[in-house]
Amino acid sequence: MDENSRNSYLFQAITSYSPKVLCLGSARHRKMSLYYSVVVGARRIYVCKKAFVQLHQITNSKVDHTRKQITVGKTAPSPVRRGKHKNRPHRLDSAKVDDVKCHIQQFPAEMSHYSRNNNPNRQYLSPWLNISMMYCLYKDSCRERGVEPVSLPSYCFIFCNNFNLGFGTPKSDTCAVCDASNKTAHTAHKQLAEQAFEAQKQDRLHAQFSDDTFMIIFDLQKTLPLPKLSTSIAFYLRQIWLYNLGIHLTCKDQSQPYFSIWTEADGSRGCSEVASCILAFVDSANIPHGSHLIAWSLVRQLLWPEQEFFHHWSLAVPGQK
């Protein structure tokens, strides 16, 4: 039962009657007496107040509240008014709540590249930001506008209950196949990964002891926002993204990393940009013409976009570009 149904049940289970005996020496007479009853099968059994309270697992104040309504002559219980009264002196004004929401929406948020299968609607603010810093910026904005700010707990409540925001990027970099509950697919996926790592290890050993074989492993680093500033104005502006393609070269008597850095104003992160970085690496690393180059990278399958595998390419460095 809801609260109104419970009140109706208790109202009909309590019957009022006039007192049969009055004490002449009493200073104050009882105006009304009550019968308490419970229904068992088709019979109505009358019990005392203590038994009535314990059988229904209610408090004495609940019975007293019903008794007061019966005493004043009501024929039905009053509707429940919980949460509908307007005597809340500390209730947040809707205009202030909207003001806090507008302030939070001023901070640019980005969707994370990792773990989107678990939280597709989760967005992330700057990693150098937190709720306390946002609240300080909010108070500065209210001071400039001459508006009284809300408290820090109220700001946190609005932030946590009206937005799906986090700070920085999640630490997990999980695979959709490994997170799935299919044990057969998980086992096959793990075996494929172990085979790829073993083949990568063999190629690395071959490159370390060969004169004309070179091995590289390349992958894009997590995008970095620029500039890295902790000033308040930087939190309200959308920052430019910095891309970095890391290439690790392994050959005889040499193991060295190379990095190609560019911003989103210079290009995207497509196949052409990655291929240009690899060609620039071949020129800067002074790989002899006619050598054998083995390249490894983590790529996505076209047939199964939710899965990632290590792929390698083996090619000969041409004599001319």
Protein backbone atom coordinates (compact mmCIF):
# COMPACT_ATOMS: atom_id res chain seq x y z
CA MET A 1 0.00 0.00 0.00
CA ASP A 2 1.01 3.60 -0.50
CA GLU A 3 0.76 6.12 2.31
CA ASN A 4 -2.80 7.20 1.50
CA SER A 5 -4.00 3.59 1.38
CA ARG A 6 -2.39 2.83 4.72
CA ASN A 7 -4.06 5.84 6.30
CA SER A 8 -7.46 4.75 4.95
CA TYR A 9 -6.98 1.24 6.34
CA LEU A 10 -6.04 2.55 9.80
CA PHE A 11 -8.94 5.03 9.71
CA GLN A 12 -11.53 2.28 9.21
CA ALA A 13 -9.83 -0.02 11.75
CA ILE A 14 -10.30 2.55 14.56
CA THR A 15 -13.87 3.12 15.79
CA SER A 16 -14.87 5.96 18.13
CA TYR A 17 -17.60 5.93 20.80
CA SER A 18 -18.63 8.10 23.73
CA PRO A 19 -17.25 7.11 27.15
CA LYS A 20 -19.70 5.04 29.20
CA VAL A 21 -18.30 6.03 32.60
CA LEU A 22 -17.34 9.52 33.80
CA CYS A 23 -15.44 10.10 37.02
CA LEU A 24 -17.00 13.01 38.94
CA GLY A 25 -13.74 13.87 40.71
CA SER A 26 -11.71 14.13 37.51
CA ALA A 27 -10.44 17.54 36.44
CA ARG A 28 -10.66 16.70 32.71
CA HIS A 29 -12.94 14.12 31.11
CA ARG A 30 -12.12 12.13 27.97
CA LYS A 31 -14.36 13.26 25.15
CA MET A 32 -14.08 10.08 23.10
CA SER A 33 -12.92 6.47 23.45
CA LEU A 34 -11.62 4.23 20.66
CA TYR A 35 -11.96 0.62 19.59
CA TYR A 36 -8.99 -0.96 17.77
CA SER A 37 -9.78 -3.88 15.50
CA VAL A 38 -8.07 -6.22 13.02
CA VAL A 39 -9.72 -8.44 10.42
CA VAL A 40 -8.84 -12.16 10.54
CA GLY A 41 -10.57 -14.03 7.74
CA ALA A 42 -14.17 -12.82 7.84
CA ARG A 43 -14.13 -11.82 11.51
CA ARG A 44 -13.27 -8.46 13.05
CA ILE A 45 -11.36 -8.94 16.30
CA TYR A 46 -10.95 -6.09 18.77
CA VAL A 47 -7.55 -5.68 20.42
CA CYS A 48 -5.86 -3.18 22.71
CA LYS A 49 -3.85 -0.23 21.43
CA LYS A 50 -0.51 -1.88 22.22
CA ALA A 51 -1.42 -5.02 20.26
CA PHE A 52 -2.76 -2.87 17.39
CA VAL A 53 0.54 -0.97 17.17
CA GLN A 54 2.67 -4.11 17.28
CA LEU A 55 0.57 -6.04 14.77
CA HIS A 56 0.80 -3.28 12.17
CA GLN A 57 4.40 -2.30 13.01
CA ILE A 58 3.54 1.37 13.40
CA THR A 59 4.30 3.96 16.06
CA ASN A 60 2.05 5.49 18.68
CA SER A 61 2.35 8.86 16.99
CA LYS A 62 0.83 7.37 13.84
CA VAL A 63 -2.19 6.19 15.85
CA ASP A 64 -2.44 9.55 17.64
CA HIS A 65 -2.42 11.37 14.31
CA THR A 66 -5.33 9.22 13.10
CA ARG A 67 -7.15 9.66 16.42
CA LYS A 68 -6.98 13.45 16.16
CA GLN A 69 -8.64 13.36 12.75
CA ILE A 70 -11.40 11.08 14.05
CA THR A 71 -11.91 13.31 17.09
CA VAL A 72 -12.55 16.45 15.02
CA GLY A 73 -15.27 14.60 13.09
CA LYS A 74 -13.58 13.73 9.80
CA THR A 75 -15.10 10.86 7.86
CA ALA A 76 -11.90 10.11 5.87
CA PRO A 77 -8.20 10.69 6.46
CA SER A 78 -6.53 13.77 5.07
CA PRO A 79 -4.37 13.27 1.94
CA VAL A 80 -0.65 12.95 2.48
CA ARG A 81 1.11 16.30 2.12
CA ARG A 82 4.69 15.11 2.45
CA GLY A 83 6.97 17.04 0.12
CA LYS A 84 4.13 19.32 -1.02
CA HIS A 85 4.30 21.97 1.66
CA LYS A 86 6.06 25.27 1.02
CA ASN A 87 7.68 25.89 4.38
CA ARG A 88 11.25 24.97 3.34
CA PRO A 89 13.41 27.97 4.21
CA HIS A 90 16.62 26.36 2.90
CA ARG A 91 15.26 25.07 -0.40
CA LEU A 92 17.31 26.12 -3.42
CA ASP A 93 15.63 28.54 -5.75
CA SER A 94 15.15 27.20 -9.28
CA ALA A 95 16.88 30.28 -10.71
CA LYS A 96 20.01 29.53 -8.65
CA VAL A 97 19.95 25.89 -9.75
CA ASP A 98 19.77 26.98 -13.40
CA ASP A 99 22.61 29.43 -12.78
CA VAL A 100 24.82 26.63 -11.42
CA LYS A 101 23.93 24.40 -14.38
CA CYS A 102 24.84 27.16 -16.84
CA HIS A 103 28.17 27.65 -15.09
CA ILE A 104 29.03 23.93 -15.24
CA GLN A 105 28.06 23.79 -18.92
CA GLN A 106 30.62 26.51 -19.70
CA PHE A 107 33.46 24.04 -19.12
CA PRO A 108 34.27 22.09 -22.31
CA ALA A 109 33.91 18.32 -21.90
CA GLU A 110 35.28 15.56 -24.09
CA MET A 111 34.27 11.93 -24.55
CA SER A 112 36.99 9.47 -23.61
CA HIS A 113 38.49 7.07 -26.14
CA TYR A 114 38.70 4.28 -23.55
CA SER A 115 35.94 2.17 -21.95
CA ARG A 116 33.15 3.70 -24.02
CA ASN A 117 31.37 0.34 -24.07
CA ASN A 118 30.66 0.71 -20.33
CA ASN A 119 29.91 4.45 -20.13
CA PRO A 120 28.95 5.80 -23.58
CA ASN A 121 27.43 8.99 -22.13
CA ARG A 122 30.30 9.79 -19.76
CA GLN A 123 32.28 12.93 -20.53
CA TYR A 124 35.43 14.28 -18.95
CA LEU A 125 36.60 17.74 -17.98
CA SER A 126 40.16 18.99 -17.76
CA PRO A 127 42.41 16.72 -15.63
CA TRP A 128 43.72 19.81 -13.82
CA LEU A 129 40.22 20.72 -12.62
CA ASN A 130 38.13 19.58 -9.64
CA ILE A 131 34.83 20.51 -8.00
CA SER A 132 36.47 22.80 -5.43
CA MET A 133 38.20 24.80 -8.17
CA MET A 134 34.97 24.97 -10.16
CA TYR A 135 33.14 26.25 -7.07
CA CYS A 136 35.77 28.96 -6.52
CA LEU A 137 35.35 30.07 -10.13
CA TYR A 138 31.58 30.03 -9.63
CA LYS A 139 31.85 32.29 -6.58
CA ASP A 140 34.07 34.71 -8.52
CA SER A 141 31.45 34.82 -11.27
CA CYS A 142 28.68 35.49 -8.73
CA ARG A 143 30.75 38.22 -7.08
CA GLU A 144 31.22 39.98 -10.42
CA ARG A 145 27.49 39.78 -11.17
CA GLY A 146 26.40 40.72 -7.66
CA VAL A 147 24.56 37.41 -7.12
CA GLU A 148 24.57 35.38 -3.93
CA PRO A 149 26.21 31.97 -4.61
CA VAL A 150 24.92 28.62 -3.39
CA SER A 151 26.89 26.60 -0.86
CA LEU A 152 29.58 24.09 -1.81
CA PRO A 153 27.45 21.03 -0.84
CA SER A 154 24.62 22.36 -3.02
CA TYR A 155 27.03 22.90 -5.91
CA CYS A 156 28.34 19.34 -5.52
CA PHE A 157 24.78 17.97 -5.36
CA ILE A 158 23.82 19.68 -8.63
CA PHE A 159 27.08 18.57 -10.28
CA CYS A 160 26.66 14.90 -9.29
CA ASN A 161 22.91 14.55 -9.91
CA ASN A 162 22.44 16.55 -13.11
CA PHE A 163 25.63 15.78 -15.04
CA ASN A 164 27.56 12.66 -16.03
CA LEU A 165 30.99 14.29 -15.83
CA GLY A 166 34.39 13.21 -14.60
CA PHE A 167 37.85 14.73 -14.50
CA GLY A 168 40.75 13.66 -16.70
CA THR A 169 40.53 10.35 -18.51
CA PRO A 170 39.78 6.87 -17.14
CA LYS A 171 42.78 4.71 -16.29
CA SER A 172 41.34 1.55 -17.81
CA ASP A 173 42.18 0.47 -21.35
CA THR A 174 40.20 -2.72 -21.59
CA CYS A 175 39.13 -4.78 -24.56
CA ALA A 176 35.46 -5.46 -25.33
CA VAL A 177 36.14 -9.18 -25.85
CA CYS A 178 37.95 -9.52 -22.52
CA ASP A 179 35.13 -7.69 -20.71
CA ALA A 180 32.46 -9.96 -22.21
CA SER A 181 31.15 -12.99 -20.34
CA ASN A 182 31.76 -15.39 -23.26
CA LYS A 183 34.54 -17.64 -21.98
CA THR A 184 35.12 -19.32 -25.36
CA ALA A 185 35.68 -16.01 -27.15
CA HIS A 186 37.78 -14.76 -24.23
CA THR A 187 40.06 -17.82 -24.34
CA ALA A 188 40.49 -17.64 -28.12
CA HIS A 189 41.19 -13.93 -27.89
CA LYS A 190 43.85 -14.45 -25.22
CA GLN A 191 45.52 -17.19 -27.28
CA LEU A 192 45.59 -14.91 -30.30
CA ALA A 193 47.18 -12.16 -28.23
CA GLU A 194 49.80 -14.55 -26.83
CA GLN A 195 50.65 -15.74 -30.34
CA ALA A 196 51.01 -12.14 -31.51
CA PHE A 197 53.34 -11.26 -28.62
CA GLU A 198 55.41 -14.36 -29.26
CA ALA A 199 55.72 -13.52 -32.97
CA GLN A 200 56.64 -9.96 -32.04
CA LYS A 201 59.34 -11.28 -29.72
CA GLN A 202 60.79 -13.47 -32.46
CA ASP A 203 60.88 -10.54 -34.90
CA ARG A 204 62.65 -8.41 -32.28
CA LEU A 205 65.31 -11.07 -31.70
CA HIS A 206 65.76 -11.49 -35.44
CA ALA A 207 66.27 -7.75 -35.88
CA GLN A 208 68.79 -7.57 -33.02
CA PHE A 209 71.09 -10.15 -34.65
CA SER A 210 70.59 -9.31 -38.32
CA ASP A 211 72.43 -6.73 -40.40
CA ASP A 212 69.69 -5.93 -42.90
CA THR A 213 66.51 -6.31 -40.83
CA PHE A 214 64.89 -3.49 -38.91
CA MET A 215 61.83 -3.74 -36.67
CA ILE A 216 59.55 -0.91 -35.55
CA ILE A 217 56.51 -0.75 -33.26
CA PHE A 218 54.34 2.33 -33.75
CA ASP A 219 51.17 3.61 -32.15
CA LEU A 220 49.44 6.90 -31.42
CA GLN A 221 49.72 8.31 -27.92
CA LYS A 222 46.72 9.62 -26.01
CA THR A 223 45.83 13.10 -27.25
CA LEU A 224 47.12 15.93 -25.07
CA PRO A 225 45.38 19.32 -24.65
CA LEU A 226 47.39 22.50 -25.20
CA PRO A 227 48.33 24.74 -23.55
CA LYS A 228 48.77 23.12 -20.14
CA LEU A 229 47.65 26.02 -17.96
CA SER A 230 46.00 26.13 -14.55
CA THR A 231 44.63 29.67 -14.92
CA SER A 232 40.87 30.09 -14.62
CA ILE A 233 40.36 31.42 -18.16
CA ALA A 234 41.85 28.25 -19.67
CA PHE A 235 39.13 26.07 -18.13
CA TYR A 236 36.38 27.86 -20.06
CA LEU A 237 38.12 27.58 -23.46
CA ARG A 238 38.33 24.56 -25.73
CA GLN A 239 42.00 23.66 -26.01
CA ILE A 240 43.84 22.47 -29.09
CA TRP A 241 44.78 18.78 -29.23
CA LEU A 242 48.34 17.59 -29.70
CA TYR A 243 48.94 14.28 -31.53
CA ASN A 244 52.03 12.15 -31.08
CA LEU A 245 52.95 9.04 -33.05
CA GLY A 246 55.61 7.02 -31.24
CA ILE A 247 57.87 4.70 -33.22
CA HIS A 248 60.33 2.38 -31.46
CA LEU A 249 63.16 1.09 -33.66
CA THR A 250 64.98 -2.15 -32.92
CA CYS A 251 67.97 -3.28 -34.99
CA LYS A 252 71.46 -4.60 -34.50
CA ASP A 253 73.24 -2.71 -31.68
CA GLN A 254 70.50 -0.09 -31.54
CA SER A 255 67.18 0.49 -29.78
CA GLN A 256 65.85 4.01 -30.08
CA PRO A 257 62.45 5.79 -29.99
CA TYR A 258 61.25 8.37 -32.51
CA PHE A 259 58.31 10.74 -32.13
CA SER A 260 56.26 12.67 -34.68
CA ILE A 261 54.24 15.51 -33.16
CA TRP A 262 51.56 17.67 -34.78
CA THR A 263 48.38 19.49 -33.74
CA GLU A 264 44.82 19.17 -34.99
CA ALA A 265 45.33 22.41 -36.91
CA ASP A 266 47.97 20.67 -39.08
CA GLY A 267 46.07 17.46 -39.72
CA SER A 268 43.91 14.71 -38.30
CA ARG A 269 44.87 11.19 -37.17
CA GLY A 270 44.08 9.35 -40.39
CA CYS A 271 45.98 6.89 -42.53
CA SER A 272 47.71 9.62 -44.54
CA GLU A 273 49.16 11.29 -41.44
CA VAL A 274 50.42 8.00 -39.98
CA ALA A 275 51.95 6.98 -43.30
CA SER A 276 53.67 10.37 -43.58
CA CYS A 277 55.15 9.92 -40.09
CA ILE A 278 56.50 6.47 -41.00
CA LEU A 279 58.08 7.81 -44.22
CA ALA A 280 59.65 10.67 -42.27
CA PHE A 281 61.00 8.14 -39.78
CA VAL A 282 62.57 6.04 -42.56
CA ASP A 283 64.41 9.13 -43.82
CA SER A 284 65.54 10.33 -40.38
CA ALA A 285 66.62 6.89 -39.15
CA ASN A 286 68.93 6.41 -42.17
CA ILE A 287 67.68 2.91 -42.89
CA PRO A 288 69.75 1.57 -45.83
CA HIS A 289 67.98 1.07 -49.12
CA GLY A 290 67.05 -2.53 -49.82
CA SER A 291 66.82 -3.41 -46.11
CA HIS A 292 64.02 -5.51 -44.65
CA LEU A 293 61.59 -3.55 -42.42
CA ILE A 294 59.14 -5.25 -40.05
CA ALA A 295 56.40 -2.99 -38.66
CA TRP A 296 54.05 -3.82 -35.78
CA SER A 297 51.03 -1.83 -34.65
CA LEU A 298 47.74 -2.25 -32.78
CA VAL A 299 44.89 -1.84 -35.28
CA ARG A 300 41.18 -2.54 -35.41
CA GLN A 301 39.68 -5.28 -37.52
CA LEU A 302 37.23 -4.18 -40.19
CA LEU A 303 35.03 -7.26 -39.73
CA TRP A 304 34.92 -6.98 -35.93
CA PRO A 305 35.23 -3.26 -35.01
CA GLU A 306 34.84 -4.01 -31.30
CA GLN A 307 38.04 -6.12 -31.28
CA GLU A 308 41.67 -5.04 -31.47
CA PHE A 309 44.60 -7.13 -32.66
CA PHE A 310 48.29 -6.74 -33.24
CA HIS A 311 49.13 -6.65 -36.94
CA HIS A 312 52.52 -6.62 -38.58
CA TRP A 313 53.76 -5.79 -42.03
CA SER A 314 56.97 -6.98 -43.64
CA LEU A 315 58.31 -4.97 -46.55
CA ALA A 316 61.53 -3.98 -48.25
CA VAL A 317 62.76 -0.40 -48.16
CA PRO A 318 62.92 0.74 -51.82
CA GLY A 319 65.90 2.39 -53.34
CA GLN A 320 63.89 5.44 -54.42
CA LYS A 321 60.92 7.23 -52.86
